Amino acid sequence: MMALFAIATILYCHDEDNLKGDWVLDDKGTISMNPIVLGTVPFDEIWQRDYWGHQYLKDENSHKSWR
């Protein structure tokens, strides 16, 4: 287990630009536009919102994905 961690760390640290990448695919919607991540909704609502932060899983705009 420790060897796996060490290998993963070495591979990750090998490339200096790992944290400097652009937004990809759904990053903007799931991170920078998500009210849960932004902290604009009460903490207890985290369990009632979908992956994208849509209010309640019953919302018609929600694709019912919860992670």
C-alpha atoms as a PDB file:
ATOM      1  CA  MET A   1       0.000   0.000   0.000  1.00  0.00           C
ATOM      2  CA  MET A   2       2.801   2.392   0.896  1.00  0.00           C
ATOM      3  CA  ALA A   3       4.588   1.550  -2.357  1.00  0.00           C
ATOM      4  CA  LEU A   4       1.458   2.393  -4.347  1.00  0.00           C
ATOM      5  CA  PHE A   5       1.188   5.740  -2.555  1.00  0.00           C
ATOM      6  CA  ALA A   6       4.857   6.480  -3.231  1.00  0.00           C
ATOM      7  CA  ILE A   7       4.547   5.651  -6.938  1.00  0.00           C
ATOM      8  CA  ALA A   8       1.410   7.763  -7.313  1.00  0.00           C
ATOM      9  CA  THR A   9       3.089  10.680  -5.546  1.00  0.00           C
ATOM     10  CA  ILE A  10       6.204  10.449  -7.710  1.00  0.00           C
ATOM     11  CA  LEU A  11       4.168  10.314 -10.919  1.00  0.00           C
ATOM     12  CA  TYR A  12       1.998  13.221  -9.831  1.00  0.00           C
ATOM     13  CA  CYS A  13       4.917  15.402  -8.740  1.00  0.00           C
ATOM     14  CA  HIS A  14       6.912  14.590 -11.867  1.00  0.00           C
ATOM     15  CA  ASP A  15       4.889  17.070 -13.913  1.00  0.00           C
ATOM     16  CA  GLU A  16       5.048  20.606 -12.482  1.00  0.00           C
ATOM     17  CA  ASP A  17       1.941  21.731 -14.377  1.00  0.00           C
ATOM     18  CA  ASN A  18      -0.513  19.249 -12.872  1.00  0.00           C
ATOM     19  CA  LEU A  19      -2.407  21.931 -10.965  1.00  0.00           C
ATOM     20  CA  LYS A  20      -2.213  24.587 -13.693  1.00  0.00           C
ATOM     21  CA  GLY A  21      -4.577  22.995 -16.207  1.00  0.00           C
ATOM     22  CA  ASP A  22      -7.657  24.531 -17.758  1.00  0.00           C
ATOM     23  CA  TRP A  23     -11.213  23.631 -16.822  1.00  0.00           C
ATOM     24  CA  VAL A  24     -12.275  20.442 -18.556  1.00  0.00           C
ATOM     25  CA  LEU A  25     -15.648  18.933 -19.411  1.00  0.00           C
ATOM     26  CA  ASP A  26     -17.979  19.570 -16.463  1.00  0.00           C
ATOM     27  CA  ASP A  27     -15.580  21.338 -14.074  1.00  0.00           C
ATOM     28  CA  LYS A  28     -17.237  24.721 -14.479  1.00  0.00           C
ATOM     29  CA  GLY A  29     -20.721  23.430 -13.692  1.00  0.00           C
ATOM     30  CA  THR A  30     -19.754  21.121 -10.862  1.00  0.00           C
ATOM     31  CA  ILE A  31     -17.246  23.400  -9.172  1.00  0.00           C
ATOM     32  CA  SER A  32     -17.298  27.089 -10.035  1.00  0.00           C
ATOM     33  CA  MET A  33     -21.081  27.364 -10.514  1.00  0.00           C
ATOM     34  CA  ASN A  34     -22.203  24.887  -7.847  1.00  0.00           C
ATOM     35  CA  PRO A  35     -23.909  26.604  -4.875  1.00  0.00           C
ATOM     36  CA  ILE A  36     -22.807  23.781  -2.563  1.00  0.00           C
ATOM     37  CA  VAL A  37     -19.139  24.338  -3.403  1.00  0.00           C
ATOM     38  CA  LEU A  38     -19.563  28.111  -3.277  1.00  0.00           C
ATOM     39  CA  GLY A  39     -21.119  27.856   0.185  1.00  0.00           C
ATOM     40  CA  THR A  40     -24.224  29.816  -0.746  1.00  0.00           C
ATOM     41  CA  VAL A  41     -26.656  27.187   0.577  1.00  0.00           C
ATOM     42  CA  PRO A  42     -27.107  25.876   4.122  1.00  0.00           C
ATOM     43  CA  PHE A  43     -24.895  22.897   4.958  1.00  0.00           C
ATOM     44  CA  ASP A  44     -27.837  20.584   5.652  1.00  0.00           C
ATOM     45  CA  GLU A  45     -29.067  21.007   2.059  1.00  0.00           C
ATOM     46  CA  ILE A  46     -26.043  19.152   0.713  1.00  0.00           C
ATOM     47  CA  TRP A  47     -27.970  15.888   1.021  1.00  0.00           C
ATOM     48  CA  GLN A  48     -30.972  17.297  -0.837  1.00  0.00           C
ATOM     49  CA  ARG A  49     -29.174  18.629  -3.906  1.00  0.00           C
ATOM     50  CA  ASP A  50     -27.818  16.795  -6.912  1.00  0.00           C
ATOM     51  CA  TYR A  51     -24.252  16.622  -8.180  1.00  0.00           C
ATOM     52  CA  TRP A  52     -24.656  19.937  -9.988  1.00  0.00           C
ATOM     53  CA  GLY A  53     -26.150  21.695  -6.977  1.00  0.00           C
ATOM     54  CA  HIS A  54     -29.697  21.901  -8.358  1.00  0.00           C
ATOM     55  CA  GLN A  55     -32.167  22.334  -5.582  1.00  0.00           C
ATOM     56  CA  TYR A  56     -33.674  19.039  -4.621  1.00  0.00           C
ATOM     57  CA  LEU A  57     -33.463  15.913  -6.679  1.00  0.00           C
ATOM     58  CA  LYS A  58     -37.102  16.390  -7.696  1.00  0.00           C
ATOM     59  CA  ASP A  59     -36.281  19.559  -9.671  1.00  0.00           C
ATOM     60  CA  GLU A  60     -37.013  19.143 -13.395  1.00  0.00           C
ATOM     61  CA  ASN A  61     -33.549  20.553 -14.208  1.00  0.00           C
ATOM     62  CA  SER A  62     -31.880  17.896 -12.092  1.00  0.00           C
ATOM     63  CA  HIS A  63     -30.632  14.775 -13.791  1.00  0.00           C
ATOM     64  CA  LYS A  64     -31.099  12.925 -10.492  1.00  0.00           C
ATOM     65  CA  SER A  65     -27.389  12.271 -10.019  1.00  0.00           C
ATOM     66  CA  TRP A  66     -26.210  12.382  -6.425  1.00  0.00           C
ATOM     67  CA  ARG A  67     -22.604  11.721  -5.488  1.00  0.00           C
END
